[in-house]
Amino acid sequence: MPFLSLISLLIIILAFISLFTLAVVFFGSAMIYANIATRVPWARIPMANLEQIFVAINLPAGSIVYDLGCGDGRFLFLAEKKGFRAIGYELSFYPYLKAVFARLIRGSKVEIKYQDFFKQDLSHADAVFIFLTASVMDKIGRKLKKELRLGTRVVSYGFIIPGWPTPQILSTAPSKTYVY
């Protein structure tokens, strides 16, 4: 009997290792694909910087804020905590799952969509938050200029939007934040 128990244990261990390997390959491939397709890797922003950004945008409660490329949802959850309606878009599967899981744990009502924000109507936004890369800033700038209402706040962490008027600049280490 002990010999069969040892074989059973080995089969369970091998099954666990196989499932773990498949998960790593799946999520790794999804992250690589999203990084190549969007040209934007996932990176986190310190919470203190997000707090400073919300002070700077100074919106009334109930405002609609979008996070384009919302990652793990930290901007969205803080926005909800401050009384805003928060909507985020994410194409990288792993951060999207992290955000959805965090939403469930928190009992949050933020909207997290596994969709390309370039294909979405953003005209209802009172504020838009972006942490992308220089390679897509011109394209996103054209989209926002075309769709957003006059007075909509746009916050870009780390990168300016080419051709836009001089923004308010926040010193949010390690990157600056530009508020339009």
N, C-alpha and C. Protein backbone atom coordinates (compact mmCIF):
# COMPACT_ATOMS: atom_id res chain seq x y z
N MET A 1 0.80 -1.22 0.00
CA MET A 1 0.00 0.00 0.00
C MET A 1 0.84 1.28 0.00
N PRO A 2 1.89 1.37 0.80
CA PRO A 2 2.67 2.61 0.81
C PRO A 2 3.24 2.94 -0.57
N PHE A 3 3.58 1.89 -1.38
CA PHE A 3 4.12 2.12 -2.70
C PHE A 3 3.08 2.82 -3.59
N LEU A 4 1.81 2.40 -3.51
CA LEU A 4 0.74 3.03 -4.30
C LEU A 4 0.49 4.46 -3.83
N SER A 5 0.60 4.69 -2.54
CA SER A 5 0.42 6.05 -2.01
C SER A 5 1.51 6.98 -2.53
N LEU A 6 2.74 6.46 -2.62
CA LEU A 6 3.84 7.25 -3.13
C LEU A 6 3.62 7.59 -4.61
N ILE A 7 3.16 6.63 -5.38
CA ILE A 7 2.86 6.87 -6.80
C ILE A 7 1.74 7.89 -6.93
N SER A 8 0.71 7.77 -6.11
CA SER A 8 -0.40 8.73 -6.15
C SER A 8 0.08 10.14 -5.82
N LEU A 9 0.95 10.23 -4.82
CA LEU A 9 1.49 11.53 -4.45
C LEU A 9 2.33 12.12 -5.59
N LEU A 10 3.13 11.30 -6.23
CA LEU A 10 3.93 11.76 -7.36
C LEU A 10 3.05 12.23 -8.52
N ILE A 11 1.97 11.52 -8.78
CA ILE A 11 1.04 11.92 -9.85
C ILE A 11 0.40 13.26 -9.52
N ILE A 12 0.03 13.46 -8.27
CA ILE A 12 -0.57 14.74 -7.86
C ILE A 12 0.44 15.87 -8.00
N ILE A 13 1.68 15.61 -7.58
CA ILE A 13 2.72 16.64 -7.70
C ILE A 13 2.97 16.97 -9.17
N LEU A 14 3.08 15.96 -10.01
CA LEU A 14 3.30 16.19 -11.44
C LEU A 14 2.12 16.94 -12.08
N ALA A 15 0.91 16.61 -11.66
CA ALA A 15 -0.27 17.32 -12.18
C ALA A 15 -0.22 18.79 -11.77
N PHE A 16 0.13 19.05 -10.52
CA PHE A 16 0.24 20.43 -10.04
C PHE A 16 1.30 21.20 -10.82
N ILE A 17 2.46 20.59 -11.00
CA ILE A 17 3.55 21.24 -11.75
C ILE A 17 3.10 21.51 -13.19
N SER A 18 2.42 20.57 -13.79
CA SER A 18 1.93 20.75 -15.17
C SER A 18 0.93 21.89 -15.26
N LEU A 19 0.00 21.95 -14.33
CA LEU A 19 -0.99 23.04 -14.34
C LEU A 19 -0.33 24.39 -14.11
N PHE A 20 0.62 24.44 -13.18
CA PHE A 20 1.34 25.67 -12.91
C PHE A 20 2.11 26.13 -14.15
N THR A 21 2.78 25.20 -14.82
CA THR A 21 3.53 25.52 -16.03
C THR A 21 2.60 26.04 -17.13
N LEU A 22 1.46 25.39 -17.31
CA LEU A 22 0.49 25.85 -18.31
C LEU A 22 -0.01 27.26 -17.99
N ALA A 23 -0.26 27.52 -16.72
CA ALA A 23 -0.72 28.86 -16.32
C ALA A 23 0.35 29.91 -16.60
N VAL A 24 1.60 29.60 -16.28
CA VAL A 24 2.69 30.54 -16.53
C VAL A 24 2.84 30.80 -18.02
N VAL A 25 2.78 29.76 -18.82
CA VAL A 25 2.90 29.91 -20.27
C VAL A 25 1.72 30.73 -20.80
N PHE A 26 0.51 30.43 -20.35
CA PHE A 26 -0.68 31.15 -20.83
C PHE A 26 -0.61 32.62 -20.46
N PHE A 27 -0.40 32.92 -19.18
CA PHE A 27 -0.38 34.32 -18.75
C PHE A 27 0.84 35.06 -19.32
N GLY A 28 1.97 34.39 -19.39
CA GLY A 28 3.16 35.00 -19.98
C GLY A 28 2.94 35.33 -21.44
N SER A 29 2.35 34.41 -22.18
CA SER A 29 2.07 34.65 -23.60
C SER A 29 1.07 35.79 -23.77
N ALA A 30 0.06 35.81 -22.92
CA ALA A 30 -0.94 36.88 -23.00
C ALA A 30 -0.31 38.24 -22.71
N MET A 31 0.60 38.31 -21.73
CA MET A 31 1.28 39.58 -21.41
C MET A 31 2.18 40.01 -22.56
N ILE A 32 2.91 39.08 -23.12
CA ILE A 32 3.80 39.42 -24.24
C ILE A 32 2.98 39.91 -25.42
N TYR A 33 1.89 39.20 -25.73
CA TYR A 33 1.03 39.63 -26.84
C TYR A 33 0.48 41.03 -26.59
N ALA A 34 -0.02 41.29 -25.40
CA ALA A 34 -0.59 42.61 -25.09
C ALA A 34 0.48 43.69 -25.18
N ASN A 35 1.68 43.42 -24.71
CA ASN A 35 2.77 44.40 -24.79
C ASN A 35 3.15 44.70 -26.24
N ILE A 36 3.17 43.67 -27.08
CA ILE A 36 3.50 43.87 -28.49
C ILE A 36 2.36 44.58 -29.21
N ALA A 37 1.13 44.15 -28.95
CA ALA A 37 -0.03 44.73 -29.64
C ALA A 37 -0.26 46.18 -29.26
N THR A 38 -0.09 46.51 -28.00
CA THR A 38 -0.39 47.87 -27.54
C THR A 38 0.85 48.75 -27.47
N ARG A 39 2.02 48.17 -27.45
CA ARG A 39 3.30 48.87 -27.27
C ARG A 39 3.36 49.54 -25.90
N VAL A 40 2.60 49.02 -24.93
CA VAL A 40 2.55 49.61 -23.60
C VAL A 40 2.68 48.49 -22.55
N PRO A 41 3.80 48.42 -21.82
CA PRO A 41 3.91 47.42 -20.76
C PRO A 41 3.13 47.85 -19.52
N TRP A 42 2.81 46.88 -18.69
CA TRP A 42 2.10 47.19 -17.45
C TRP A 42 3.09 47.62 -16.39
N ALA A 43 2.78 48.73 -15.73
CA ALA A 43 3.62 49.21 -14.63
C ALA A 43 2.71 49.84 -13.57
N ARG A 44 3.12 49.77 -12.32
CA ARG A 44 2.31 50.29 -11.22
C ARG A 44 2.73 51.72 -10.87
N ILE A 45 1.76 52.47 -10.36
CA ILE A 45 2.00 53.84 -9.92
C ILE A 45 1.89 53.87 -8.40
N PRO A 46 2.80 54.54 -7.70
CA PRO A 46 2.69 54.63 -6.24
C PRO A 46 1.37 55.29 -5.82
N MET A 47 0.77 54.77 -4.77
CA MET A 47 -0.52 55.29 -4.28
C MET A 47 -0.42 56.77 -3.89
N ALA A 48 0.70 57.18 -3.33
CA ALA A 48 0.86 58.59 -2.95
C ALA A 48 0.73 59.50 -4.18
N ASN A 49 1.24 59.04 -5.32
CA ASN A 49 1.11 59.81 -6.56
C ASN A 49 -0.35 59.91 -7.00
N LEU A 50 -1.07 58.83 -6.87
CA LEU A 50 -2.49 58.85 -7.24
C LEU A 50 -3.28 59.81 -6.35
N GLU A 51 -2.96 59.81 -5.07
CA GLU A 51 -3.62 60.75 -4.15
C GLU A 51 -3.35 62.19 -4.59
N GLN A 52 -2.12 62.49 -4.94
CA GLN A 52 -1.74 63.83 -5.38
C GLN A 52 -2.48 64.20 -6.68
N ILE A 53 -2.64 63.24 -7.56
CA ILE A 53 -3.35 63.48 -8.82
C ILE A 53 -4.81 63.83 -8.56
N PHE A 54 -5.47 63.14 -7.66
CA PHE A 54 -6.87 63.43 -7.37
C PHE A 54 -7.05 64.82 -6.75
N VAL A 55 -6.09 65.24 -5.96
CA VAL A 55 -6.14 66.60 -5.41
C VAL A 55 -6.05 67.61 -6.56
N ALA A 56 -5.16 67.35 -7.52
CA ALA A 56 -4.93 68.28 -8.62
C ALA A 56 -6.12 68.38 -9.57
N ILE A 57 -6.81 67.27 -9.83
CA ILE A 57 -7.91 67.35 -10.80
C ILE A 57 -9.18 67.94 -10.20
N ASN A 58 -9.30 67.89 -8.88
CA ASN A 58 -10.36 68.62 -8.17
C ASN A 58 -11.73 68.52 -8.83
N LEU A 59 -12.26 67.31 -8.92
CA LEU A 59 -13.57 67.09 -9.52
C LEU A 59 -14.64 66.91 -8.44
N PRO A 60 -15.86 67.28 -8.75
CA PRO A 60 -16.93 67.04 -7.78
C PRO A 60 -17.28 65.55 -7.70
N ALA A 61 -17.79 65.13 -6.56
CA ALA A 61 -18.23 63.74 -6.39
C ALA A 61 -19.26 63.42 -7.46
N GLY A 62 -19.27 62.17 -7.90
CA GLY A 62 -20.20 61.75 -8.93
C GLY A 62 -19.65 61.91 -10.34
N SER A 63 -18.49 62.54 -10.48
CA SER A 63 -17.88 62.70 -11.80
C SER A 63 -17.52 61.34 -12.38
N ILE A 64 -17.49 61.28 -13.71
CA ILE A 64 -17.13 60.04 -14.40
C ILE A 64 -15.67 60.12 -14.81
N VAL A 65 -14.88 59.16 -14.32
CA VAL A 65 -13.46 59.12 -14.66
C VAL A 65 -13.14 57.81 -15.38
N TYR A 66 -12.32 57.93 -16.40
CA TYR A 66 -11.87 56.78 -17.17
C TYR A 66 -10.38 56.59 -16.92
N ASP A 67 -9.97 55.33 -16.88
CA ASP A 67 -8.55 54.98 -16.82
C ASP A 67 -8.29 54.13 -18.05
N LEU A 68 -7.51 54.66 -18.98
CA LEU A 68 -7.22 53.97 -20.24
C LEU A 68 -5.94 53.16 -20.08
N GLY A 69 -6.12 51.85 -19.97
CA GLY A 69 -5.01 50.97 -19.64
C GLY A 69 -4.92 50.86 -18.14
N CYS A 70 -6.00 50.41 -17.51
CA CYS A 70 -6.16 50.52 -16.05
C CYS A 70 -5.32 49.55 -15.23
N GLY A 71 -4.63 48.63 -15.86
CA GLY A 71 -3.76 47.72 -15.10
C GLY A 71 -4.53 47.00 -14.02
N ASP A 72 -4.01 47.04 -12.79
CA ASP A 72 -4.63 46.31 -11.68
C ASP A 72 -5.78 47.09 -11.03
N GLY A 73 -6.12 48.26 -11.57
CA GLY A 73 -7.30 48.99 -11.12
C GLY A 73 -7.09 49.94 -9.96
N ARG A 74 -5.84 50.15 -9.54
CA ARG A 74 -5.63 50.99 -8.35
C ARG A 74 -6.19 52.40 -8.51
N PHE A 75 -6.06 53.01 -9.69
CA PHE A 75 -6.64 54.33 -9.93
C PHE A 75 -8.17 54.27 -9.79
N LEU A 76 -8.77 53.23 -10.36
CA LEU A 76 -10.23 53.08 -10.33
C LEU A 76 -10.76 52.94 -8.90
N PHE A 77 -10.10 52.11 -8.10
CA PHE A 77 -10.56 51.88 -6.74
C PHE A 77 -10.44 53.14 -5.88
N LEU A 78 -9.36 53.89 -6.09
CA LEU A 78 -9.20 55.14 -5.37
C LEU A 78 -10.25 56.16 -5.83
N ALA A 79 -10.53 56.19 -7.13
CA ALA A 79 -11.56 57.09 -7.66
C ALA A 79 -12.92 56.77 -7.03
N GLU A 80 -13.24 55.50 -6.95
CA GLU A 80 -14.51 55.09 -6.34
C GLU A 80 -14.56 55.50 -4.87
N LYS A 81 -13.47 55.31 -4.17
CA LYS A 81 -13.39 55.69 -2.75
C LYS A 81 -13.62 57.19 -2.57
N LYS A 82 -13.22 57.98 -3.57
CA LYS A 82 -13.38 59.43 -3.51
C LYS A 82 -14.73 59.90 -4.05
N GLY A 83 -15.61 58.94 -4.39
CA GLY A 83 -16.97 59.29 -4.79
C GLY A 83 -17.20 59.45 -6.28
N PHE A 84 -16.27 58.97 -7.11
CA PHE A 84 -16.41 59.07 -8.55
C PHE A 84 -16.94 57.77 -9.14
N ARG A 85 -17.54 57.88 -10.31
CA ARG A 85 -17.90 56.69 -11.08
C ARG A 85 -16.68 56.36 -11.93
N ALA A 86 -16.12 55.18 -11.78
CA ALA A 86 -14.85 54.83 -12.39
C ALA A 86 -15.00 53.71 -13.41
N ILE A 87 -14.43 53.94 -14.60
CA ILE A 87 -14.49 52.98 -15.69
C ILE A 87 -13.07 52.80 -16.23
N GLY A 88 -12.64 51.55 -16.35
CA GLY A 88 -11.29 51.28 -16.84
C GLY A 88 -11.28 50.29 -17.98
N TYR A 89 -10.29 50.45 -18.83
CA TYR A 89 -10.07 49.55 -19.97
C TYR A 89 -8.68 48.95 -19.85
N GLU A 90 -8.58 47.65 -20.10
CA GLU A 90 -7.29 46.97 -20.02
C GLU A 90 -7.26 45.85 -21.04
N LEU A 91 -6.15 45.74 -21.78
CA LEU A 91 -5.98 44.67 -22.77
C LEU A 91 -4.99 43.60 -22.34
N SER A 92 -4.23 43.86 -21.30
CA SER A 92 -3.28 42.87 -20.82
C SER A 92 -4.02 41.96 -19.83
N PHE A 93 -4.03 40.67 -20.13
CA PHE A 93 -4.90 39.75 -19.42
C PHE A 93 -4.60 39.62 -17.92
N TYR A 94 -3.32 39.50 -17.56
CA TYR A 94 -2.99 39.33 -16.15
C TYR A 94 -3.41 40.52 -15.28
N PRO A 95 -3.06 41.77 -15.64
CA PRO A 95 -3.53 42.89 -14.82
C PRO A 95 -5.05 43.00 -14.81
N TYR A 96 -5.67 42.67 -15.95
CA TYR A 96 -7.13 42.70 -16.01
C TYR A 96 -7.72 41.73 -14.97
N LEU A 97 -7.20 40.51 -14.93
CA LEU A 97 -7.69 39.53 -13.96
C LEU A 97 -7.44 40.00 -12.53
N LYS A 98 -6.27 40.61 -12.28
CA LYS A 98 -5.99 41.14 -10.95
C LYS A 98 -7.02 42.19 -10.56
N ALA A 99 -7.37 43.06 -11.50
CA ALA A 99 -8.34 44.12 -11.23
C ALA A 99 -9.73 43.54 -10.97
N VAL A 100 -10.12 42.58 -11.77
CA VAL A 100 -11.44 41.95 -11.59
C VAL A 100 -11.50 41.23 -10.25
N PHE A 101 -10.45 40.51 -9.91
CA PHE A 101 -10.40 39.81 -8.63
C PHE A 101 -10.46 40.81 -7.47
N ALA A 102 -9.70 41.90 -7.58
CA ALA A 102 -9.72 42.93 -6.52
C ALA A 102 -11.10 43.56 -6.41
N ARG A 103 -11.77 43.77 -7.53
CA ARG A 103 -13.13 44.33 -7.51
C ARG A 103 -14.07 43.39 -6.75
N LEU A 104 -13.98 42.11 -7.01
CA LEU A 104 -14.83 41.13 -6.33
C LEU A 104 -14.55 41.12 -4.83
N ILE A 105 -13.29 41.11 -4.45
CA ILE A 105 -12.91 41.08 -3.02
C ILE A 105 -13.42 42.32 -2.30
N ARG A 106 -13.32 43.48 -2.96
CA ARG A 106 -13.71 44.75 -2.35
C ARG A 106 -15.22 44.99 -2.39
N GLY A 107 -15.92 44.23 -3.21
CA GLY A 107 -17.34 44.50 -3.40
C GLY A 107 -17.53 45.82 -4.15
N SER A 108 -16.59 46.13 -5.01
CA SER A 108 -16.56 47.40 -5.72
C SER A 108 -17.54 47.43 -6.89
N LYS A 109 -17.91 48.64 -7.28
CA LYS A 109 -18.80 48.81 -8.44
C LYS A 109 -18.07 49.43 -9.63
N VAL A 110 -16.74 49.52 -9.56
CA VAL A 110 -16.02 50.06 -10.71
C VAL A 110 -16.24 49.14 -11.91
N GLU A 111 -16.19 49.73 -13.09
CA GLU A 111 -16.33 48.95 -14.32
C GLU A 111 -14.94 48.71 -14.89
N ILE A 112 -14.62 47.45 -15.09
CA ILE A 112 -13.32 47.09 -15.66
C ILE A 112 -13.62 46.28 -16.91
N LYS A 113 -13.19 46.80 -18.05
CA LYS A 113 -13.52 46.19 -19.32
C LYS A 113 -12.27 45.68 -20.02
N TYR A 114 -12.36 44.46 -20.48
CA TYR A 114 -11.27 43.85 -21.24
C TYR A 114 -11.50 44.21 -22.71
N GLN A 115 -11.24 45.48 -23.01
CA GLN A 115 -11.51 46.03 -24.34
C GLN A 115 -10.46 47.06 -24.72
N ASP A 116 -10.37 47.32 -26.00
CA ASP A 116 -9.46 48.32 -26.54
C ASP A 116 -10.11 49.69 -26.41
N PHE A 117 -9.53 50.58 -25.61
CA PHE A 117 -10.14 51.90 -25.40
C PHE A 117 -10.15 52.74 -26.67
N PHE A 118 -9.28 52.43 -27.63
CA PHE A 118 -9.30 53.17 -28.89
C PHE A 118 -10.61 52.95 -29.65
N LYS A 119 -11.32 51.87 -29.33
CA LYS A 119 -12.57 51.56 -30.01
C LYS A 119 -13.79 51.95 -29.17
N GLN A 120 -13.59 52.71 -28.10
CA GLN A 120 -14.68 53.09 -27.20
C GLN A 120 -14.98 54.58 -27.30
N ASP A 121 -16.22 54.92 -26.99
CA ASP A 121 -16.64 56.33 -26.94
C ASP A 121 -16.31 56.87 -25.55
N LEU A 122 -15.48 57.88 -25.49
CA LEU A 122 -15.05 58.45 -24.22
C LEU A 122 -15.70 59.79 -23.93
N SER A 123 -16.71 60.14 -24.70
CA SER A 123 -17.29 61.49 -24.64
C SER A 123 -18.01 61.80 -23.33
N HIS A 124 -18.32 60.80 -22.52
CA HIS A 124 -19.02 61.05 -21.25
C HIS A 124 -18.08 61.35 -20.09
N ALA A 125 -16.79 61.29 -20.34
CA ALA A 125 -15.80 61.45 -19.27
C ALA A 125 -15.75 62.88 -18.74
N ASP A 126 -15.59 62.98 -17.42
CA ASP A 126 -15.27 64.25 -16.79
C ASP A 126 -13.77 64.37 -16.61
N ALA A 127 -13.10 63.20 -16.55
CA ALA A 127 -11.64 63.14 -16.47
C ALA A 127 -11.18 61.83 -17.08
N VAL A 128 -10.01 61.89 -17.69
CA VAL A 128 -9.40 60.70 -18.28
C VAL A 128 -7.98 60.60 -17.74
N PHE A 129 -7.63 59.41 -17.26
CA PHE A 129 -6.29 59.16 -16.74
C PHE A 129 -5.59 58.20 -17.69
N ILE A 130 -4.34 58.53 -18.04
CA ILE A 130 -3.56 57.65 -18.91
C ILE A 130 -2.14 57.52 -18.37
N PHE A 131 -1.66 56.30 -18.39
CA PHE A 131 -0.26 56.00 -18.12
C PHE A 131 0.16 55.04 -19.22
N LEU A 132 0.54 55.61 -20.34
CA LEU A 132 0.89 54.82 -21.51
C LEU A 132 2.36 55.03 -21.82
N THR A 133 2.74 55.06 -23.07
CA THR A 133 4.13 55.34 -23.43
C THR A 133 4.15 56.40 -24.52
N ALA A 134 5.32 56.97 -24.74
CA ALA A 134 5.47 58.03 -25.74
C ALA A 134 5.02 57.56 -27.12
N SER A 135 5.16 56.28 -27.41
CA SER A 135 4.85 55.76 -28.74
C SER A 135 3.36 55.87 -29.10
N VAL A 136 2.47 55.99 -28.12
CA VAL A 136 1.04 56.07 -28.42
C VAL A 136 0.42 57.41 -28.03
N MET A 137 1.21 58.31 -27.47
CA MET A 137 0.63 59.57 -26.96
C MET A 137 0.03 60.44 -28.06
N ASP A 138 0.64 60.49 -29.22
CA ASP A 138 0.08 61.30 -30.30
C ASP A 138 -1.29 60.74 -30.72
N LYS A 139 -1.38 59.44 -30.87
CA LYS A 139 -2.64 58.79 -31.27
C LYS A 139 -3.73 59.02 -30.22
N ILE A 140 -3.40 58.83 -28.95
CA ILE A 140 -4.40 59.03 -27.90
C ILE A 140 -4.78 60.50 -27.81
N GLY A 141 -3.82 61.39 -28.02
CA GLY A 141 -4.13 62.83 -28.01
C GLY A 141 -5.15 63.20 -29.07
N ARG A 142 -5.00 62.64 -30.27
CA ARG A 142 -5.97 62.91 -31.35
C ARG A 142 -7.35 62.37 -30.99
N LYS A 143 -7.40 61.18 -30.43
CA LYS A 143 -8.68 60.59 -30.03
C LYS A 143 -9.37 61.43 -28.96
N LEU A 144 -8.62 61.82 -27.94
CA LEU A 144 -9.21 62.60 -26.85
C LEU A 144 -9.67 63.97 -27.34
N LYS A 145 -8.88 64.62 -28.19
CA LYS A 145 -9.25 65.93 -28.71
C LYS A 145 -10.56 65.86 -29.51
N LYS A 146 -10.73 64.77 -30.23
CA LYS A 146 -11.93 64.57 -31.05
C LYS A 146 -13.17 64.25 -30.21
N GLU A 147 -13.01 63.49 -29.13
CA GLU A 147 -14.16 62.96 -28.40
C GLU A 147 -14.54 63.70 -27.12
N LEU A 148 -13.58 64.27 -26.42
CA LEU A 148 -13.89 64.82 -25.10
C LEU A 148 -14.57 66.18 -25.19
N ARG A 149 -15.44 66.42 -24.21
CA ARG A 149 -16.10 67.72 -24.08
C ARG A 149 -15.11 68.76 -23.57
N LEU A 150 -15.40 70.01 -23.87
CA LEU A 150 -14.60 71.11 -23.36
C LEU A 150 -14.64 71.07 -21.83
N GLY A 151 -13.51 71.19 -21.19
CA GLY A 151 -13.44 71.18 -19.73
C GLY A 151 -13.12 69.83 -19.13
N THR A 152 -13.10 68.77 -19.94
CA THR A 152 -12.74 67.45 -19.43
C THR A 152 -11.26 67.46 -19.04
N ARG A 153 -10.98 67.00 -17.84
CA ARG A 153 -9.59 66.95 -17.37
C ARG A 153 -8.91 65.71 -17.94
N VAL A 154 -7.69 65.88 -18.41
CA VAL A 154 -6.89 64.76 -18.89
C VAL A 154 -5.61 64.74 -18.07
N VAL A 155 -5.31 63.58 -17.51
CA VAL A 155 -4.12 63.41 -16.68
C VAL A 155 -3.25 62.35 -17.32
N SER A 156 -2.01 62.72 -17.63
CA SER A 156 -1.07 61.78 -18.22
C SER A 156 0.11 61.61 -17.27
N TYR A 157 0.30 60.40 -16.82
CA TYR A 157 1.41 60.09 -15.93
C TYR A 157 2.63 59.71 -16.77
N GLY A 158 3.68 60.50 -16.68
CA GLY A 158 4.94 60.15 -17.30
C GLY A 158 5.21 60.72 -18.67
N PHE A 159 4.19 61.03 -19.46
CA PHE A 159 4.42 61.46 -20.83
C PHE A 159 3.48 62.60 -21.22
N ILE A 160 4.03 63.57 -21.96
CA ILE A 160 3.21 64.68 -22.44
C ILE A 160 2.40 64.21 -23.65
N ILE A 161 1.35 64.96 -23.94
CA ILE A 161 0.57 64.70 -25.15
C ILE A 161 1.04 65.72 -26.19
N PRO A 162 1.68 65.25 -27.26
CA PRO A 162 2.23 66.17 -28.27
C PRO A 162 1.15 67.07 -28.87
N GLY A 163 1.49 68.37 -28.99
CA GLY A 163 0.58 69.32 -29.62
C GLY A 163 -0.48 69.89 -28.70
N TRP A 164 -0.54 69.43 -27.46
CA TRP A 164 -1.52 69.96 -26.52
C TRP A 164 -0.91 71.17 -25.80
N PRO A 165 -1.77 72.07 -25.28
CA PRO A 165 -1.24 73.24 -24.57
C PRO A 165 -0.42 72.83 -23.35
N THR A 166 0.42 73.73 -22.88
CA THR A 166 1.28 73.45 -21.73
C THR A 166 0.42 73.04 -20.53
N PRO A 167 0.71 71.89 -19.98
CA PRO A 167 -0.09 71.38 -18.87
C PRO A 167 0.41 71.88 -17.51
N GLN A 168 -0.43 71.65 -16.50
CA GLN A 168 0.03 71.78 -15.12
C GLN A 168 0.93 70.56 -14.88
N ILE A 169 2.08 70.77 -14.28
CA ILE A 169 3.02 69.66 -14.06
C ILE A 169 3.11 69.35 -12.57
N LEU A 170 2.87 68.10 -12.22
CA LEU A 170 2.98 67.64 -10.84
C LEU A 170 4.29 66.87 -10.68
N SER A 171 4.98 67.11 -9.60
CA SER A 171 6.20 66.35 -9.31
C SER A 171 5.82 65.08 -8.57
N THR A 172 5.62 64.03 -9.32
CA THR A 172 5.24 62.73 -8.77
C THR A 172 6.33 61.73 -9.10
N ALA A 173 7.31 61.62 -8.22
CA ALA A 173 8.44 60.72 -8.47
C ALA A 173 7.96 59.28 -8.56
N PRO A 174 8.47 58.50 -9.46
CA PRO A 174 9.64 58.72 -10.28
C PRO A 174 9.34 59.44 -11.60
N SER A 175 8.10 59.70 -11.91
CA SER A 175 7.74 60.39 -13.16
C SER A 175 6.94 61.65 -12.86
N LYS A 176 6.94 62.55 -13.80
CA LYS A 176 6.09 63.74 -13.67
C LYS A 176 4.70 63.38 -14.15
N THR A 177 3.72 64.14 -13.69
CA THR A 177 2.34 63.97 -14.13
C THR A 177 1.89 65.25 -14.79
N TYR A 178 1.25 65.13 -15.93
CA TYR A 178 0.80 66.29 -16.71
C TYR A 178 -0.73 66.36 -16.67
N VAL A 179 -1.24 67.51 -16.22
CA VAL A 179 -2.70 67.68 -16.08
C VAL A 179 -3.13 68.73 -17.09
N TYR A 180 -4.03 68.35 -17.97
CA TYR A 180 -4.54 69.24 -19.03
C TYR A 180 -5.98 69.63 -18.72
